Amino acid sequence: MPEEGQNNELSITRFISAPPSKVWEVLARRQNEWWCPRPWRAEVDEQDRRAGGVCNMTFYGPDGEEMPQNGIYLAFDEGRRFVTTDAVTADFQPSGPFMIGIWEIEPEGDGTRYTARARHWDADTRKQHEDMGFIDGWTICAAQLAEICEREAA
């Protein structure tokens, strides 16, 4: 259980000069193009975009590193947000939880507000994620997402 009264969330937000439909398409359907800070890359292994559906990726590093990222969707609200967790695998087996991830968009002026959140079970895990470079890493990913969306919307 999360620690009562603790804010164990990390988040980043960014304005993207592209319509929500374009941002959603890249955000939800083209994750292999922006999901990891370069030179790392992500490959979608399997996705079933619905609550309870599998959400499996593998991250590949420049020195041959491989990091499976397996879990499930908790929510998938087309055109607005998706929520995943690594606390449970596709066959609903407990999986040593690290976080609940929330990626969402909303219209803002002539573009889109993108927000990504990572919610952790306790302050130690939040701090671990922060120390791993959450702010820099997820900010780079948001910039990569924006670059694709803004280039294609121009």
C-alpha atoms as a PDB file:
ATOM      1  CA  MET A   1       0.000   0.000   0.000  1.00  0.00           C
ATOM      2  CA  PRO A   2       1.198   3.527  -0.657  1.00  0.00           C
ATOM      3  CA  GLU A   3       2.409   5.344   2.402  1.00  0.00           C
ATOM      4  CA  GLU A   4      -0.445   7.409   3.786  1.00  0.00           C
ATOM      5  CA  GLY A   5      -0.025  11.144   3.315  1.00  0.00           C
ATOM      6  CA  GLN A   6       2.988  10.694   1.002  1.00  0.00           C
ATOM      7  CA  ASN A   7       3.201  12.008  -2.531  1.00  0.00           C
ATOM      8  CA  ASN A   8       5.145   9.277  -4.245  1.00  0.00           C
ATOM      9  CA  GLU A   9       4.563  10.614  -7.748  1.00  0.00           C
ATOM     10  CA  LEU A  10       7.095  11.914 -10.230  1.00  0.00           C
ATOM     11  CA  SER A  11       5.829  13.763 -13.299  1.00  0.00           C
ATOM     12  CA  ILE A  12       6.782  15.801 -16.308  1.00  0.00           C
ATOM     13  CA  THR A  13       4.646  17.876 -18.652  1.00  0.00           C
ATOM     14  CA  ARG A  14       5.224  19.507 -22.012  1.00  0.00           C
ATOM     15  CA  PHE A  15       3.303  21.554 -24.536  1.00  0.00           C
ATOM     16  CA  ILE A  16       3.440  20.030 -28.024  1.00  0.00           C
ATOM     17  CA  SER A  17       2.643  22.195 -31.051  1.00  0.00           C
ATOM     18  CA  ALA A  18       0.570  19.537 -32.782  1.00  0.00           C
ATOM     19  CA  PRO A  19      -3.089  18.534 -32.637  1.00  0.00           C
ATOM     20  CA  PRO A  20      -4.162  15.963 -30.050  1.00  0.00           C
ATOM     21  CA  SER A  21      -4.976  13.406 -32.772  1.00  0.00           C
ATOM     22  CA  LYS A  22      -1.360  13.468 -34.011  1.00  0.00           C
ATOM     23  CA  VAL A  23       0.103  13.374 -30.498  1.00  0.00           C
ATOM     24  CA  TRP A  24      -2.127  10.449 -29.554  1.00  0.00           C
ATOM     25  CA  GLU A  25      -1.201   8.498 -32.674  1.00  0.00           C
ATOM     26  CA  VAL A  26       2.527   8.810 -31.953  1.00  0.00           C
ATOM     27  CA  LEU A  27       2.131   8.475 -28.158  1.00  0.00           C
ATOM     28  CA  ALA A  28       0.043   5.318 -28.190  1.00  0.00           C
ATOM     29  CA  ARG A  29       0.816   3.630 -31.511  1.00  0.00           C
ATOM     30  CA  ARG A  30       4.463   4.454 -32.263  1.00  0.00           C
ATOM     31  CA  GLN A  31       6.216   4.025 -28.933  1.00  0.00           C
ATOM     32  CA  ASN A  32       9.256   2.387 -30.493  1.00  0.00           C
ATOM     33  CA  GLU A  33      10.100   5.778 -32.071  1.00  0.00           C
ATOM     34  CA  TRP A  34      10.328   7.868 -28.887  1.00  0.00           C
ATOM     35  CA  TRP A  35       9.853   5.821 -25.685  1.00  0.00           C
ATOM     36  CA  CYS A  36      13.545   5.621 -24.578  1.00  0.00           C
ATOM     37  CA  PRO A  37      16.159   8.376 -24.476  1.00  0.00           C
ATOM     38  CA  ARG A  38      18.546   7.840 -27.380  1.00  0.00           C
ATOM     39  CA  PRO A  39      20.811   5.922 -27.821  1.00  0.00           C
ATOM     40  CA  TRP A  40      18.543   3.475 -25.979  1.00  0.00           C
ATOM     41  CA  ARG A  41      15.552   2.158 -27.899  1.00  0.00           C
ATOM     42  CA  ALA A  42      12.297   0.422 -27.097  1.00  0.00           C
ATOM     43  CA  GLU A  43      10.657  -2.406 -28.985  1.00  0.00           C
ATOM     44  CA  VAL A  44       7.028  -3.250 -28.395  1.00  0.00           C
ATOM     45  CA  ASP A  45       6.832  -6.995 -27.860  1.00  0.00           C
ATOM     46  CA  GLU A  46       3.074  -7.286 -27.328  1.00  0.00           C
ATOM     47  CA  GLN A  47       0.250  -4.900 -26.534  1.00  0.00           C
ATOM     48  CA  ASP A  48      -3.445  -5.456 -25.952  1.00  0.00           C
ATOM     49  CA  ARG A  49      -4.697  -1.895 -25.499  1.00  0.00           C
ATOM     50  CA  ARG A  50      -7.483  -2.398 -22.967  1.00  0.00           C
ATOM     51  CA  ALA A  51      -7.794  -2.606 -19.189  1.00  0.00           C
ATOM     52  CA  GLY A  52      -6.179  -5.888 -18.171  1.00  0.00           C
ATOM     53  CA  GLY A  53      -4.430  -6.270 -21.512  1.00  0.00           C
ATOM     54  CA  VAL A  54      -0.752  -7.086 -21.825  1.00  0.00           C
ATOM     55  CA  CYS A  55       1.774  -4.263 -22.179  1.00  0.00           C
ATOM     56  CA  ASN A  56       5.212  -5.748 -22.891  1.00  0.00           C
ATOM     57  CA  MET A  57       8.269  -3.936 -24.227  1.00  0.00           C
ATOM     58  CA  THR A  58      11.992  -4.472 -24.180  1.00  0.00           C
ATOM     59  CA  PHE A  59      14.507  -1.654 -23.802  1.00  0.00           C
ATOM     60  CA  TYR A  60      17.826  -2.073 -25.608  1.00  0.00           C
ATOM     61  CA  GLY A  61      20.944  -0.168 -24.645  1.00  0.00           C
ATOM     62  CA  PRO A  62      23.883   0.867 -26.807  1.00  0.00           C
ATOM     63  CA  ASP A  63      26.165  -1.695 -25.130  1.00  0.00           C
ATOM     64  CA  GLY A  64      23.886  -4.690 -25.615  1.00  0.00           C
ATOM     65  CA  GLU A  65      21.770  -4.157 -22.487  1.00  0.00           C
ATOM     66  CA  GLU A  66      18.274  -5.674 -22.531  1.00  0.00           C
ATOM     67  CA  MET A  67      15.619  -4.636 -20.021  1.00  0.00           C
ATOM     68  CA  PRO A  68      12.197  -6.311 -20.318  1.00  0.00           C
ATOM     69  CA  GLN A  69       9.338  -4.025 -19.278  1.00  0.00           C
ATOM     70  CA  ASN A  70       6.346  -6.300 -18.777  1.00  0.00           C
ATOM     71  CA  GLY A  71       3.011  -5.505 -17.238  1.00  0.00           C
ATOM     72  CA  ILE A  72      -0.592  -4.728 -17.998  1.00  0.00           C
ATOM     73  CA  TYR A  73      -2.804  -1.807 -18.891  1.00  0.00           C
ATOM     74  CA  LEU A  74      -4.964  -0.612 -16.033  1.00  0.00           C
ATOM     75  CA  ALA A  75      -6.829   1.792 -18.329  1.00  0.00           C
ATOM     76  CA  PHE A  76      -6.794   2.672 -22.001  1.00  0.00           C
ATOM     77  CA  ASP A  77      -8.973   5.661 -22.838  1.00  0.00           C
ATOM     78  CA  GLU A  78      -8.605   6.145 -26.585  1.00  0.00           C
ATOM     79  CA  GLY A  79      -7.397   9.604 -27.521  1.00  0.00           C
ATOM     80  CA  ARG A  80      -6.832  10.705 -23.919  1.00  0.00           C
ATOM     81  CA  ARG A  81      -4.723   8.483 -21.664  1.00  0.00           C
ATOM     82  CA  PHE A  82      -3.363   5.091 -20.866  1.00  0.00           C
ATOM     83  CA  VAL A  83      -2.239   3.667 -17.545  1.00  0.00           C
ATOM     84  CA  THR A  84       0.113   0.730 -17.038  1.00  0.00           C
ATOM     85  CA  THR A  85       1.706  -1.118 -14.160  1.00  0.00           C
ATOM     86  CA  ASP A  86       4.507  -3.584 -13.765  1.00  0.00           C
ATOM     87  CA  ALA A  87       2.947  -4.871 -10.521  1.00  0.00           C
ATOM     88  CA  VAL A  88       1.061  -7.586 -12.404  1.00  0.00           C
ATOM     89  CA  THR A  89       1.906  -9.595 -15.516  1.00  0.00           C
ATOM     90  CA  ALA A  90      -0.459 -10.581 -18.319  1.00  0.00           C
ATOM     91  CA  ASP A  91      -1.546 -13.742 -16.528  1.00  0.00           C
ATOM     92  CA  PHE A  92      -2.302 -11.679 -13.379  1.00  0.00           C
ATOM     93  CA  GLN A  93       0.714 -12.887 -11.473  1.00  0.00           C
ATOM     94  CA  PRO A  94       2.287 -10.489  -8.932  1.00  0.00           C
ATOM     95  CA  SER A  95       5.497  -9.049 -10.298  1.00  0.00           C
ATOM     96  CA  GLY A  96       7.473  -7.047  -7.734  1.00  0.00           C
ATOM     97  CA  PRO A  97       5.895  -3.633  -8.362  1.00  0.00           C
ATOM     98  CA  PHE A  98       7.933  -0.576  -9.221  1.00  0.00           C
ATOM     99  CA  MET A  99       5.327   1.905 -10.466  1.00  0.00           C
ATOM    100  CA  ILE A 100       2.048   2.806 -12.077  1.00  0.00           C
ATOM    101  CA  GLY A 101       2.644   4.881 -15.208  1.00  0.00           C
ATOM    102  CA  ILE A 102       0.103   7.364 -16.525  1.00  0.00           C
ATOM    103  CA  TRP A 103       0.475   9.020 -19.936  1.00  0.00           C
ATOM    104  CA  GLU A 104      -2.173  11.536 -20.924  1.00  0.00           C
ATOM    105  CA  ILE A 105      -2.907  14.336 -23.324  1.00  0.00           C
ATOM    106  CA  GLU A 106      -5.398  17.170 -23.493  1.00  0.00           C
ATOM    107  CA  PRO A 107      -6.048  19.948 -25.976  1.00  0.00           C
ATOM    108  CA  GLU A 108      -4.391  23.240 -25.090  1.00  0.00           C
ATOM    109  CA  GLY A 109      -4.734  26.276 -27.340  1.00  0.00           C
ATOM    110  CA  ASP A 110      -3.513  25.310 -30.798  1.00  0.00           C
ATOM    111  CA  GLY A 111      -1.659  22.235 -29.538  1.00  0.00           C
ATOM    112  CA  THR A 112      -1.597  19.521 -26.912  1.00  0.00           C
ATOM    113  CA  ARG A 113      -0.537  19.261 -23.271  1.00  0.00           C
ATOM    114  CA  TYR A 114       1.327  16.001 -22.654  1.00  0.00           C
ATOM    115  CA  THR A 115       1.765  14.771 -19.082  1.00  0.00           C
ATOM    116  CA  ALA A 116       3.513  11.628 -17.888  1.00  0.00           C
ATOM    117  CA  ARG A 117       3.383  10.420 -14.284  1.00  0.00           C
ATOM    118  CA  ALA A 118       5.032   7.623 -12.366  1.00  0.00           C
ATOM    119  CA  ARG A 119       3.345   6.679  -9.092  1.00  0.00           C
ATOM    120  CA  HIS A 120       5.291   4.570  -6.636  1.00  0.00           C
ATOM    121  CA  TRP A 121       4.274   2.478  -3.651  1.00  0.00           C
ATOM    122  CA  ASP A 122       6.655   4.217  -1.267  1.00  0.00           C
ATOM    123  CA  ALA A 123       9.086   7.110  -0.923  1.00  0.00           C
ATOM    124  CA  ASP A 124      12.136   4.854  -1.289  1.00  0.00           C
ATOM    125  CA  THR A 125      11.004   3.582  -4.683  1.00  0.00           C
ATOM    126  CA  ARG A 126      10.114   7.106  -5.808  1.00  0.00           C
ATOM    127  CA  LYS A 127      13.582   8.262  -4.749  1.00  0.00           C
ATOM    128  CA  GLN A 128      15.198   5.309  -6.531  1.00  0.00           C
ATOM    129  CA  HIS A 129      13.371   6.246  -9.746  1.00  0.00           C
ATOM    130  CA  GLU A 130      14.338   9.892  -9.312  1.00  0.00           C
ATOM    131  CA  ASP A 131      17.992   8.901  -8.779  1.00  0.00           C
ATOM    132  CA  MET A 132      17.860   6.727 -11.914  1.00  0.00           C
ATOM    133  CA  GLY A 133      17.306   9.954 -13.872  1.00  0.00           C
ATOM    134  CA  PHE A 134      13.525  10.125 -14.131  1.00  0.00           C
ATOM    135  CA  ILE A 135      13.340  13.879 -14.785  1.00  0.00           C
ATOM    136  CA  ASP A 136      16.079  13.959 -17.418  1.00  0.00           C
ATOM    137  CA  GLY A 137      15.041  10.674 -19.046  1.00  0.00           C
ATOM    138  CA  TRP A 138      11.329  11.324 -19.254  1.00  0.00           C
ATOM    139  CA  THR A 139      11.948  14.931 -20.341  1.00  0.00           C
ATOM    140  CA  ILE A 140      14.135  13.645 -23.196  1.00  0.00           C
ATOM    141  CA  CYS A 141      11.406  11.181 -24.176  1.00  0.00           C
ATOM    142  CA  ALA A 142       8.830  13.997 -24.177  1.00  0.00           C
ATOM    143  CA  ALA A 143      11.135  16.040 -26.422  1.00  0.00           C
ATOM    144  CA  GLN A 144      11.502  13.068 -28.796  1.00  0.00           C
ATOM    145  CA  LEU A 145       7.704  12.673 -28.855  1.00  0.00           C
ATOM    146  CA  ALA A 146       7.245  16.407 -29.526  1.00  0.00           C
ATOM    147  CA  GLU A 147       9.877  16.380 -32.290  1.00  0.00           C
ATOM    148  CA  ILE A 148       8.038  13.668 -34.218  1.00  0.00           C
ATOM    149  CA  CYS A 149       4.583  15.197 -33.698  1.00  0.00           C
ATOM    150  CA  GLU A 150       5.609  18.762 -34.529  1.00  0.00           C
ATOM    151  CA  ARG A 151       7.566  17.708 -37.646  1.00  0.00           C
ATOM    152  CA  GLU A 152       4.636  15.683 -38.977  1.00  0.00           C
ATOM    153  CA  ALA A 153       2.031  18.333 -38.101  1.00  0.00           C
ATOM    154  CA  ALA A 154       3.944  21.088 -39.950  1.00  0.00           C
END
